[in-house]
Amino acid sequence: MITYDDFRKVELKVAIIKEVTIHPDADKLYVLKIDAGGIEKQLVAGIRPYYLPDELIGRQVIIVDNLEPRAVRGMMSQGMLLAASDDEGLSILTLDKPRKSGSIVK
């Protein structure tokens, strides 16, 4: 369990996927260039078995924006793409109505 104050520290935002490349050293990873409200970031996401690059470009997704950057298999990731998974696969979290890139998820 975390406290409400801990949860409030997490910044969830709307971002648009601008570019998708295959991670050079990992079979399941993509390197994503995203627009998070006029700020370009790079994310490394383990969604390659579930999506083709063309299915992702232009999509609005939900990210954790204030996660400490870290190297994932040698590539810097500056946030986290949110997704849900179960026995049947994985689905990235998207919006039911378009919103501006950088919009805060409440």
PDB file of N, CA and C in Angstrom:
ATOM      1  N   MET A   1       0.840  -1.191   0.000  1.00  0.00           N
ATOM      2  CA  MET A   1       0.000   0.000   0.000  1.00  0.00           C
ATOM      3  C   MET A   1       0.878   1.245   0.000  1.00  0.00           C
ATOM      4  N   ILE A   2       0.422   2.251  -0.746  1.00  0.00           N
ATOM      5  CA  ILE A   2       1.094   3.545  -0.713  1.00  0.00           C
ATOM      6  C   ILE A   2       0.100   4.572  -0.203  1.00  0.00           C
ATOM      7  N   THR A   3       0.611   5.668   0.276  1.00  0.00           N
ATOM      8  CA  THR A   3      -0.278   6.710   0.768  1.00  0.00           C
ATOM      9  C   THR A   3      -0.802   7.543  -0.407  1.00  0.00           C
ATOM     10  N   TYR A   4      -1.857   8.253  -0.147  1.00  0.00           N
ATOM     11  CA  TYR A   4      -2.414   9.157  -1.146  1.00  0.00           C
ATOM     12  C   TYR A   4      -1.365  10.190  -1.552  1.00  0.00           C
ATOM     13  N   ASP A   5      -0.608  10.690  -0.586  1.00  0.00           N
ATOM     14  CA  ASP A   5       0.436  11.669  -0.894  1.00  0.00           C
ATOM     15  C   ASP A   5       1.500  11.080  -1.816  1.00  0.00           C
ATOM     16  N   ASP A   6       1.842   9.796  -1.632  1.00  0.00           N
ATOM     17  CA  ASP A   6       2.786   9.148  -2.540  1.00  0.00           C
ATOM     18  C   ASP A   6       2.215   9.075  -3.954  1.00  0.00           C
ATOM     19  N   PHE A   7       0.947   8.693  -4.070  1.00  0.00           N
ATOM     20  CA  PHE A   7       0.313   8.594  -5.382  1.00  0.00           C
ATOM     21  C   PHE A   7       0.268   9.951  -6.094  1.00  0.00           C
ATOM     22  N   ARG A   8       0.056  10.998  -5.352  1.00  0.00           N
ATOM     23  CA  ARG A   8      -0.012  12.340  -5.941  1.00  0.00           C
ATOM     24  C   ARG A   8       1.297  12.757  -6.594  1.00  0.00           C
ATOM     25  N   LYS A   9       2.396  12.126  -6.229  1.00  0.00           N
ATOM     26  CA  LYS A   9       3.699  12.437  -6.820  1.00  0.00           C
ATOM     27  C   LYS A   9       3.810  11.941  -8.267  1.00  0.00           C
ATOM     28  N   VAL A  10       3.000  10.954  -8.619  1.00  0.00           N
ATOM     29  CA  VAL A  10       3.061  10.368  -9.957  1.00  0.00           C
ATOM     30  C   VAL A  10       2.350  11.304 -10.943  1.00  0.00           C
ATOM     31  N   GLU A  11       3.062  11.707 -11.997  1.00  0.00           N
ATOM     32  CA  GLU A  11       2.487  12.582 -13.017  1.00  0.00           C
ATOM     33  C   GLU A  11       2.137  11.754 -14.246  1.00  0.00           C
ATOM     34  N   LEU A  12       0.855  11.536 -14.437  1.00  0.00           N
ATOM     35  CA  LEU A  12       0.359  10.838 -15.621  1.00  0.00           C
ATOM     36  C   LEU A  12      -0.067  11.884 -16.640  1.00  0.00           C
ATOM     37  N   LYS A  13       0.397  11.696 -17.884  1.00  0.00           N
ATOM     38  CA  LYS A  13       0.078  12.665 -18.936  1.00  0.00           C
ATOM     39  C   LYS A  13      -0.290  11.961 -20.232  1.00  0.00           C
ATOM     40  N   VAL A  14      -0.965  12.718 -21.073  1.00  0.00           N
ATOM     41  CA  VAL A  14      -1.266  12.287 -22.436  1.00  0.00           C
ATOM     42  C   VAL A  14      -0.055  12.610 -23.301  1.00  0.00           C
ATOM     43  N   ALA A  15       0.329  11.659 -24.129  1.00  0.00           N
ATOM     44  CA  ALA A  15       1.431  11.866 -25.073  1.00  0.00           C
ATOM     45  C   ALA A  15       1.035  11.283 -26.422  1.00  0.00           C
ATOM     46  N   ILE A  16       1.676  11.762 -27.467  1.00  0.00           N
ATOM     47  CA  ILE A  16       1.446  11.249 -28.816  1.00  0.00           C
ATOM     48  C   ILE A  16       2.720  10.557 -29.286  1.00  0.00           C
ATOM     49  N   ILE A  17       2.566   9.360 -29.795  1.00  0.00           N
ATOM     50  CA  ILE A  17       3.710   8.627 -30.319  1.00  0.00           C
ATOM     51  C   ILE A  17       4.039   9.187 -31.700  1.00  0.00           C
ATOM     52  N   LYS A  18       5.268   9.680 -31.856  1.00  0.00           N
ATOM     53  CA  LYS A  18       5.708  10.306 -33.097  1.00  0.00           C
ATOM     54  C   LYS A  18       6.570   9.387 -33.954  1.00  0.00           C
ATOM     55  N   GLU A  19       7.330   8.519 -33.304  1.00  0.00           N
ATOM     56  CA  GLU A  19       8.268   7.666 -34.034  1.00  0.00           C
ATOM     57  C   GLU A  19       8.454   6.366 -33.264  1.00  0.00           C
ATOM     58  N   VAL A  20       8.580   5.279 -33.996  1.00  0.00           N
ATOM     59  CA  VAL A  20       8.797   3.960 -33.396  1.00  0.00           C
ATOM     60  C   VAL A  20       9.959   3.287 -34.110  1.00  0.00           C
ATOM     61  N   THR A  21      10.954   2.860 -33.337  1.00  0.00           N
ATOM     62  CA  THR A  21      12.058   2.097 -33.907  1.00  0.00           C
ATOM     63  C   THR A  21      12.256   0.825 -33.092  1.00  0.00           C
ATOM     64  N   ILE A  22      12.812  -0.159 -33.732  1.00  0.00           N
ATOM     65  CA  ILE A  22      13.091  -1.428 -33.066  1.00  0.00           C
ATOM     66  C   ILE A  22      14.362  -1.272 -32.239  1.00  0.00           C
ATOM     67  N   HIS A  23      14.301  -1.699 -30.998  1.00  0.00           N
ATOM     68  CA  HIS A  23      15.493  -1.655 -30.141  1.00  0.00           C
ATOM     69  C   HIS A  23      16.541  -2.578 -30.749  1.00  0.00           C
ATOM     70  N   PRO A  24      17.766  -2.097 -30.903  1.00  0.00           N
ATOM     71  CA  PRO A  24      18.784  -2.907 -31.577  1.00  0.00           C
ATOM     72  C   PRO A  24      19.249  -4.138 -30.799  1.00  0.00           C
ATOM     73  N   ASP A  25      18.995  -4.179 -29.496  1.00  0.00           N
ATOM     74  CA  ASP A  25      19.507  -5.274 -28.673  1.00  0.00           C
ATOM     75  C   ASP A  25      18.431  -6.035 -27.913  1.00  0.00           C
ATOM     76  N   ALA A  26      17.171  -5.957 -28.363  1.00  0.00           N
ATOM     77  CA  ALA A  26      16.103  -6.636 -27.629  1.00  0.00           C
ATOM     78  C   ALA A  26      14.950  -6.992 -28.567  1.00  0.00           C
ATOM     79  N   ASP A  27      14.490  -8.218 -28.482  1.00  0.00           N
ATOM     80  CA  ASP A  27      13.417  -8.707 -29.356  1.00  0.00           C
ATOM     81  C   ASP A  27      12.035  -8.146 -29.016  1.00  0.00           C
ATOM     82  N   LYS A  28      11.813  -7.760 -27.775  1.00  0.00           N
ATOM     83  CA  LYS A  28      10.477  -7.340 -27.353  1.00  0.00           C
ATOM     84  C   LYS A  28      10.328  -5.836 -27.164  1.00  0.00           C
ATOM     85  N   LEU A  29      11.391  -5.084 -27.414  1.00  0.00           N
ATOM     86  CA  LEU A  29      11.362  -3.655 -27.105  1.00  0.00           C
ATOM     87  C   LEU A  29      11.300  -2.768 -28.344  1.00  0.00           C
ATOM     88  N   TYR A  30      10.535  -1.692 -28.203  1.00  0.00           N
ATOM     89  CA  TYR A  30      10.555  -0.581 -29.149  1.00  0.00           C
ATOM     90  C   TYR A  30      11.175   0.625 -28.448  1.00  0.00           C
ATOM     91  N   VAL A  31      11.757   1.502 -29.226  1.00  0.00           N
ATOM     92  CA  VAL A  31      12.182   2.809 -28.752  1.00  0.00           C
ATOM     93  C   VAL A  31      11.204   3.805 -29.359  1.00  0.00           C
ATOM     94  N   LEU A  32      10.480   4.514 -28.510  1.00  0.00           N
ATOM     95  CA  LEU A  32       9.430   5.433 -28.938  1.00  0.00           C
ATOM     96  C   LEU A  32       9.875   6.872 -28.739  1.00  0.00           C
ATOM     97  N   LYS A  33       9.630   7.707 -29.723  1.00  0.00           N
ATOM     98  CA  LYS A  33       9.769   9.155 -29.569  1.00  0.00           C
ATOM     99  C   LYS A  33       8.354   9.675 -29.378  1.00  0.00           C
ATOM    100  N   ILE A  34       8.142  10.393 -28.282  1.00  0.00           N
ATOM    101  CA  ILE A  34       6.803  10.887 -27.978  1.00  0.00           C
ATOM    102  C   ILE A  34       6.811  12.399 -27.808  1.00  0.00           C
ATOM    103  N   ASP A  35       5.639  12.995 -27.992  1.00  0.00           N
ATOM    104  CA  ASP A  35       5.413  14.410 -27.711  1.00  0.00           C
ATOM    105  C   ASP A  35       4.541  14.464 -26.470  1.00  0.00           C
ATOM    106  N   ALA A  36       5.111  15.010 -25.400  1.00  0.00           N
ATOM    107  CA  ALA A  36       4.379  15.125 -24.133  1.00  0.00           C
ATOM    108  C   ALA A  36       4.100  16.596 -23.856  1.00  0.00           C
ATOM    109  N   GLY A  37       3.352  17.218 -24.737  1.00  0.00           N
ATOM    110  CA  GLY A  37       3.004  18.626 -24.564  1.00  0.00           C
ATOM    111  C   GLY A  37       4.096  19.562 -25.011  1.00  0.00           C
ATOM    112  N   GLY A  38       4.651  19.317 -26.190  1.00  0.00           N
ATOM    113  CA  GLY A  38       5.707  20.160 -26.716  1.00  0.00           C
ATOM    114  C   GLY A  38       7.092  19.759 -26.241  1.00  0.00           C
ATOM    115  N   ILE A  39       7.170  18.744 -25.418  1.00  0.00           N
ATOM    116  CA  ILE A  39       8.448  18.218 -24.936  1.00  0.00           C
ATOM    117  C   ILE A  39       8.634  16.834 -25.533  1.00  0.00           C
ATOM    118  N   GLU A  40       9.703  16.660 -26.318  1.00  0.00           N
ATOM    119  CA  GLU A  40       9.970  15.350 -26.900  1.00  0.00           C
ATOM    120  C   GLU A  40      10.731  14.498 -25.892  1.00  0.00           C
ATOM    121  N   LYS A  41      10.283  13.250 -25.762  1.00  0.00           N
ATOM    122  CA  LYS A  41      10.929  12.300 -24.871  1.00  0.00           C
ATOM    123  C   LYS A  41      11.120  10.987 -25.591  1.00  0.00           C
ATOM    124  N   GLN A  42      12.007  10.188 -25.037  1.00  0.00           N
ATOM    125  CA  GLN A  42      12.228   8.847 -25.556  1.00  0.00           C
ATOM    126  C   GLN A  42      11.809   7.838 -24.487  1.00  0.00           C
ATOM    127  N   LEU A  43      11.006   6.864 -24.893  1.00  0.00           N
ATOM    128  CA  LEU A  43      10.597   5.784 -24.002  1.00  0.00           C
ATOM    129  C   LEU A  43      11.024   4.463 -24.608  1.00  0.00           C
ATOM    130  N   VAL A  44      11.394   3.524 -23.762  1.00  0.00           N
ATOM    131  CA  VAL A  44      11.646   2.156 -24.189  1.00  0.00           C
ATOM    132  C   VAL A  44      10.498   1.328 -23.634  1.00  0.00           C
ATOM    133  N   ALA A  45       9.796   0.620 -24.518  1.00  0.00           N
ATOM    134  CA  ALA A  45       8.590  -0.101 -24.110  1.00  0.00           C
ATOM    135  C   ALA A  45       8.593  -1.524 -24.648  1.00  0.00           C
ATOM    136  N   GLY A  46       8.203  -2.454 -23.808  1.00  0.00           N
ATOM    137  CA  GLY A  46       8.164  -3.872 -24.169  1.00  0.00           C
ATOM    138  C   GLY A  46       6.861  -4.279 -24.817  1.00  0.00           C
ATOM    139  N   ILE A  47       6.519  -3.623 -25.903  1.00  0.00           N
ATOM    140  CA  ILE A  47       5.227  -3.876 -26.565  1.00  0.00           C
ATOM    141  C   ILE A  47       5.385  -4.428 -27.978  1.00  0.00           C
ATOM    142  N   ARG A  48       6.591  -4.716 -28.378  1.00  0.00           N
ATOM    143  CA  ARG A  48       6.843  -5.153 -29.754  1.00  0.00           C
ATOM    144  C   ARG A  48       6.091  -6.422 -30.152  1.00  0.00           C
ATOM    145  N   PRO A  49       5.921  -7.409 -29.263  1.00  0.00           N
ATOM    146  CA  PRO A  49       5.167  -8.603 -29.671  1.00  0.00           C
ATOM    147  C   PRO A  49       3.677  -8.330 -29.941  1.00  0.00           C
ATOM    148  N   TYR A  50       3.186  -7.173 -29.532  1.00  0.00           N
ATOM    149  CA  TYR A  50       1.743  -6.906 -29.588  1.00  0.00           C
ATOM    150  C   TYR A  50       1.321  -5.864 -30.617  1.00  0.00           C
ATOM    151  N   TYR A  51       2.262  -5.030 -31.072  1.00  0.00           N
ATOM    152  CA  TYR A  51       1.931  -3.940 -31.987  1.00  0.00           C
ATOM    153  C   TYR A  51       2.982  -3.817 -33.084  1.00  0.00           C
ATOM    154  N   LEU A  52       2.529  -3.468 -34.278  1.00  0.00           N
ATOM    155  CA  LEU A  52       3.430  -3.085 -35.356  1.00  0.00           C
ATOM    156  C   LEU A  52       3.696  -1.586 -35.233  1.00  0.00           C
ATOM    157  N   PRO A  53       4.841  -1.113 -35.689  1.00  0.00           N
ATOM    158  CA  PRO A  53       5.131   0.327 -35.586  1.00  0.00           C
ATOM    159  C   PRO A  53       4.032   1.210 -36.176  1.00  0.00           C
ATOM    160  N   ASP A  54       3.483   0.829 -37.336  1.00  0.00           N
ATOM    161  CA  ASP A  54       2.445   1.647 -37.977  1.00  0.00           C
ATOM    162  C   ASP A  54       1.171   1.744 -37.143  1.00  0.00           C
ATOM    163  N   GLU A  55       0.927   0.779 -36.276  1.00  0.00           N
ATOM    164  CA  GLU A  55      -0.255   0.813 -35.406  1.00  0.00           C
ATOM    165  C   GLU A  55      -0.084   1.803 -34.260  1.00  0.00           C
ATOM    166  N   LEU A  56       1.137   2.216 -33.987  1.00  0.00           N
ATOM    167  CA  LEU A  56       1.426   3.071 -32.834  1.00  0.00           C
ATOM    168  C   LEU A  56       1.594   4.542 -33.187  1.00  0.00           C
ATOM    169  N   ILE A  57       2.142   4.823 -34.354  1.00  0.00           N
ATOM    170  CA  ILE A  57       2.433   6.210 -34.719  1.00  0.00           C
ATOM    171  C   ILE A  57       1.136   7.021 -34.780  1.00  0.00           C
ATOM    172  N   GLY A  58       1.157   8.162 -34.084  1.00  0.00           N
ATOM    173  CA  GLY A  58      -0.009   9.041 -34.035  1.00  0.00           C
ATOM    174  C   GLY A  58      -0.975   8.738 -32.907  1.00  0.00           C
ATOM    175  N   ARG A  59      -0.772   7.653 -32.195  1.00  0.00           N
ATOM    176  CA  ARG A  59      -1.678   7.290 -31.102  1.00  0.00           C
ATOM    177  C   ARG A  59      -1.450   8.143 -29.875  1.00  0.00           C
ATOM    178  N   GLN A  60      -2.548   8.500 -29.229  1.00  0.00           N
ATOM    179  CA  GLN A  60      -2.464   9.165 -27.928  1.00  0.00           C
ATOM    180  C   GLN A  60      -2.428   8.085 -26.863  1.00  0.00           C
ATOM    181  N   VAL A  61      -1.438   8.185 -25.981  1.00  0.00           N
ATOM    182  CA  VAL A  61      -1.239   7.184 -24.938  1.00  0.00           C
ATOM    183  C   VAL A  61      -1.079   7.878 -23.596  1.00  0.00           C
ATOM    184  N   ILE A  62      -1.101   7.082 -22.552  1.00  0.00           N
ATOM    185  CA  ILE A  62      -0.892   7.585 -21.197  1.00  0.00           C
ATOM    186  C   ILE A  62       0.512   7.177 -20.757  1.00  0.00           C
ATOM    187  N   ILE A  63       1.253   8.150 -20.216  1.00  0.00           N
ATOM    188  CA  ILE A  63       2.613   7.878 -19.752  1.00  0.00           C
ATOM    189  C   ILE A  63       2.785   8.339 -18.304  1.00  0.00           C
ATOM    190  N   VAL A  64       3.760   7.749 -17.626  1.00  0.00           N
ATOM    191  CA  VAL A  64       4.260   8.301 -16.372  1.00  0.00           C
ATOM    192  C   VAL A  64       5.364   9.257 -16.783  1.00  0.00           C
ATOM    193  N   ASP A  65       5.127  10.547 -16.576  1.00  0.00           N
ATOM    194  CA  ASP A  65       6.010  11.573 -17.107  1.00  0.00           C
ATOM    195  C   ASP A  65       7.192  11.891 -16.201  1.00  0.00           C
ATOM    196  N   ASN A  66       7.034  11.716 -14.906  1.00  0.00           N
ATOM    197  CA  ASN A  66       8.095  12.132 -13.984  1.00  0.00           C
ATOM    198  C   ASN A  66       8.880  10.962 -13.399  1.00  0.00           C
ATOM    199  N   LEU A  67       8.940   9.876 -14.118  1.00  0.00           N
ATOM    200  CA  LEU A  67       9.743   8.743 -13.687  1.00  0.00           C
ATOM    201  C   LEU A  67      11.215   9.042 -13.946  1.00  0.00           C
ATOM    202  N   GLU A  68      12.053   8.704 -13.006  1.00  0.00           N
ATOM    203  CA  GLU A  68      13.486   8.941 -13.171  1.00  0.00           C
ATOM    204  C   GLU A  68      13.998   8.215 -14.411  1.00  0.00           C
ATOM    205  N   PRO A  69      14.711   8.919 -15.302  1.00  0.00           N
ATOM    206  CA  PRO A  69      15.245   8.264 -16.505  1.00  0.00           C
ATOM    207  C   PRO A  69      16.183   7.118 -16.143  1.00  0.00           C
ATOM    208  N   ARG A  70      16.165   6.075 -16.993  1.00  0.00           N
ATOM    209  CA  ARG A  70      17.077   4.953 -16.781  1.00  0.00           C
ATOM    210  C   ARG A  70      17.355   4.266 -18.106  1.00  0.00           C
ATOM    211  N   ALA A  71      18.483   3.610 -18.149  1.00  0.00           N
ATOM    212  CA  ALA A  71      18.865   2.872 -19.346  1.00  0.00           C
ATOM    213  C   ALA A  71      18.168   1.514 -19.338  1.00  0.00           C
ATOM    214  N   VAL A  72      17.571   1.175 -20.473  1.00  0.00           N
ATOM    215  CA  VAL A  72      16.939  -0.130 -20.661  1.00  0.00           C
ATOM    216  C   VAL A  72      17.649  -0.786 -21.842  1.00  0.00           C
ATOM    217  N   ARG A  73      18.427  -1.806 -21.542  1.00  0.00           N
ATOM    218  CA  ARG A  73      19.243  -2.478 -22.558  1.00  0.00           C
ATOM    219  C   ARG A  73      20.070  -1.482 -23.370  1.00  0.00           C
ATOM    220  N   GLY A  74      20.636  -0.506 -22.671  1.00  0.00           N
ATOM    221  CA  GLY A  74      21.540   0.443 -23.307  1.00  0.00           C
ATOM    222  C   GLY A  74      20.891   1.670 -23.926  1.00  0.00           C
ATOM    223  N   MET A  75      19.566   1.742 -23.918  1.00  0.00           N
ATOM    224  CA  MET A  75      18.849   2.906 -24.477  1.00  0.00           C
ATOM    225  C   MET A  75      18.156   3.641 -23.326  1.00  0.00           C
ATOM    226  N   MET A  76      18.263   4.977 -23.313  1.00  0.00           N
ATOM    227  CA  MET A  76      17.672   5.763 -22.250  1.00  0.00           C
ATOM    228  C   MET A  76      16.150   5.848 -22.403  1.00  0.00           C
ATOM    229  N   SER A  77      15.448   5.594 -21.296  1.00  0.00           N
ATOM    230  CA  SER A  77      13.995   5.727 -21.256  1.00  0.00           C
ATOM    231  C   SER A  77      13.658   6.837 -20.275  1.00  0.00           C
ATOM    232  N   GLN A  78      12.858   7.813 -20.733  1.00  0.00           N
ATOM    233  CA  GLN A  78      12.547   9.006 -19.946  1.00  0.00           C
ATOM    234  C   GLN A  78      11.112   9.019 -19.447  1.00  0.00           C
ATOM    235  N   GLY A  79      10.575   7.873 -19.161  1.00  0.00           N
ATOM    236  CA  GLY A  79       9.208   7.761 -18.676  1.00  0.00           C
ATOM    237  C   GLY A  79       8.741   6.335 -18.870  1.00  0.00           C
ATOM    238  N   MET A  80       7.436   6.130 -18.718  1.00  0.00           N
ATOM    239  CA  MET A  80       6.877   4.791 -18.881  1.00  0.00           C
ATOM    240  C   MET A  80       5.529   4.861 -19.575  1.00  0.00           C
ATOM    241  N   LEU A  81       5.372   4.039 -20.588  1.00  0.00           N
ATOM    242  CA  LEU A  81       4.102   3.877 -21.278  1.00  0.00           C
ATOM    243  C   LEU A  81       3.235   2.935 -20.443  1.00  0.00           C
ATOM    244  N   LEU A  82       1.980   3.286 -20.216  1.00  0.00           N
ATOM    245  CA  LEU A  82       1.101   2.431 -19.423  1.00  0.00           C
ATOM    246  C   LEU A  82       0.329   1.467 -20.321  1.00  0.00           C
ATOM    247  N   ALA A  83       0.202   0.235 -19.841  1.00  0.00           N
ATOM    248  CA  ALA A  83      -0.499  -0.817 -20.578  1.00  0.00           C
ATOM    249  C   ALA A  83      -1.119  -1.779 -19.576  1.00  0.00           C
ATOM    250  N   ALA A  84      -2.104  -2.520 -20.048  1.00  0.00           N
ATOM    251  CA  ALA A  84      -2.735  -3.564 -19.248  1.00  0.00           C
ATOM    252  C   ALA A  84      -2.465  -4.900 -19.922  1.00  0.00           C
ATOM    253  N   SER A  85      -2.218  -5.925 -19.111  1.00  0.00           N
ATOM    254  CA  SER A  85      -1.961  -7.247 -19.696  1.00  0.00           C
ATOM    255  C   SER A  85      -2.687  -8.320 -18.909  1.00  0.00           C
ATOM    256  N   ASP A  86      -2.990  -9.393 -19.624  1.00  0.00           N
ATOM    257  CA  ASP A  86      -3.575 -10.581 -19.017  1.00  0.00           C
ATOM    258  C   ASP A  86      -3.154 -11.783 -19.848  1.00  0.00           C
ATOM    259  N   ASP A  87      -3.805 -12.915 -19.647  1.00  0.00           N
ATOM    260  CA  ASP A  87      -3.449 -14.137 -20.367  1.00  0.00           C
ATOM    261  C   ASP A  87      -3.618 -14.009 -21.882  1.00  0.00           C
ATOM    262  N   GLU A  88      -4.462 -13.082 -22.320  1.00  0.00           N
ATOM    263  CA  GLU A  88      -4.764 -12.940 -23.742  1.00  0.00           C
ATOM    264  C   GLU A  88      -3.887 -11.921 -24.458  1.00  0.00           C
ATOM    265  N   GLY A  89      -3.050 -11.200 -23.736  1.00  0.00           N
ATOM    266  CA  GLY A  89      -2.182 -10.247 -24.395  1.00  0.00           C
ATOM    267  C   GLY A  89      -2.007  -8.961 -23.635  1.00  0.00           C
ATOM    268  N   LEU A  90      -1.708  -7.905 -24.387  1.00  0.00           N
ATOM    269  CA  LEU A  90      -1.397  -6.603 -23.816  1.00  0.00           C
ATOM    270  C   LEU A  90      -2.117  -5.526 -24.607  1.00  0.00           C
ATOM    271  N   SER A  91      -2.533  -4.473 -23.922  1.00  0.00           N
ATOM    272  CA  SER A  91      -3.206  -3.349 -24.564  1.00  0.00           C
ATOM    273  C   SER A  91      -2.698  -2.054 -23.946  1.00  0.00           C
ATOM    274  N   ILE A  92      -2.210  -1.144 -24.788  1.00  0.00           N
ATOM    275  CA  ILE A  92      -1.751   0.137 -24.263  1.00  0.00           C
ATOM    276  C   ILE A  92      -2.956   0.971 -23.844  1.00  0.00           C
ATOM    277  N   LEU A  93      -2.748   1.829 -22.838  1.00  0.00           N
ATOM    278  CA  LEU A  93      -3.824   2.692 -22.369  1.00  0.00           C
ATOM    279  C   LEU A  93      -3.924   3.904 -23.280  1.00  0.00           C
ATOM    280  N   THR A  94      -5.122   4.112 -23.815  1.00  0.00           N
ATOM    281  CA  THR A  94      -5.375   5.231 -24.717  1.00  0.00           C
ATOM    282  C   THR A  94      -6.589   6.003 -24.221  1.00  0.00           C
ATOM    283  N   LEU A  95      -6.998   7.007 -24.971  1.00  0.00           N
ATOM    284  CA  LEU A  95      -8.129   7.859 -24.603  1.00  0.00           C
ATOM    285  C   LEU A  95      -9.349   7.533 -25.449  1.00  0.00           C
ATOM    286  N   ASP A  96     -10.529   7.750 -24.880  1.00  0.00           N
ATOM    287  CA  ASP A  96     -11.733   7.549 -25.688  1.00  0.00           C
ATOM    288  C   ASP A  96     -12.092   8.805 -26.484  1.00  0.00           C
ATOM    289  N   LYS A  97     -11.524   9.971 -26.111  1.00  0.00           N
ATOM    290  CA  LYS A  97     -11.702  11.222 -26.842  1.00  0.00           C
ATOM    291  C   LYS A  97     -10.345  11.908 -26.920  1.00  0.00           C
ATOM    292  N   PRO A  98     -10.025  12.517 -28.055  1.00  0.00           N
ATOM    293  CA  PRO A  98      -8.721  13.188 -28.182  1.00  0.00           C
ATOM    294  C   PRO A  98      -8.566  14.326 -27.163  1.00  0.00           C
ATOM    295  N   ARG A  99      -7.348  14.474 -26.659  1.00  0.00           N
ATOM    296  CA  ARG A  99      -6.987  15.564 -25.758  1.00  0.00           C
ATOM    297  C   ARG A  99      -5.643  16.109 -26.201  1.00  0.00           C
ATOM    298  N   LYS A 100      -5.304  17.300 -25.755  1.00  0.00           N
ATOM    299  CA  LYS A 100      -4.030  17.906 -26.106  1.00  0.00           C
ATOM    300  C   LYS A 100      -2.888  17.089 -25.509  1.00  0.00           C
ATOM    301  N   SER A 101      -1.831  16.976 -26.288  1.00  0.00           N
ATOM    302  CA  SER A 101      -0.623  16.345 -25.783  1.00  0.00           C
ATOM    303  C   SER A 101      -0.145  17.112 -24.559  1.00  0.00           C
ATOM    304  N   GLY A 102       0.237  16.398 -23.521  1.00  0.00           N
ATOM    305  CA  GLY A 102       0.673  17.004 -22.276  1.00  0.00           C
ATOM    306  C   GLY A 102      -0.432  17.179 -21.256  1.00  0.00           C
ATOM    307  N   SER A 103      -1.690  16.888 -21.642  1.00  0.00           N
ATOM    308  CA  SER A 103      -2.799  16.992 -20.698  1.00  0.00           C
ATOM    309  C   SER A 103      -2.552  16.081 -19.495  1.00  0.00           C
ATOM    310  N   ILE A 104      -2.928  16.565 -18.334  1.00  0.00           N
ATOM    311  CA  ILE A 104      -2.745  15.815 -17.094  1.00  0.00           C
ATOM    312  C   ILE A 104      -3.861  14.793 -16.943  1.00  0.00           C
ATOM    313  N   VAL A 105      -3.500  13.580 -16.556  1.00  0.00           N
ATOM    314  CA  VAL A 105      -4.480  12.534 -16.248  1.00  0.00           C
ATOM    315  C   VAL A 105      -4.771  12.640 -14.760  1.00  0.00           C
ATOM    316  N   LYS A 106      -6.044  12.797 -14.441  1.00  0.00           N
ATOM    317  CA  LYS A 106      -6.447  12.979 -13.031  1.00  0.00           C
ATOM    318  C   LYS A 106      -7.174  11.764 -12.533  1.00  0.00           C
TER     319      LYS A 106
END
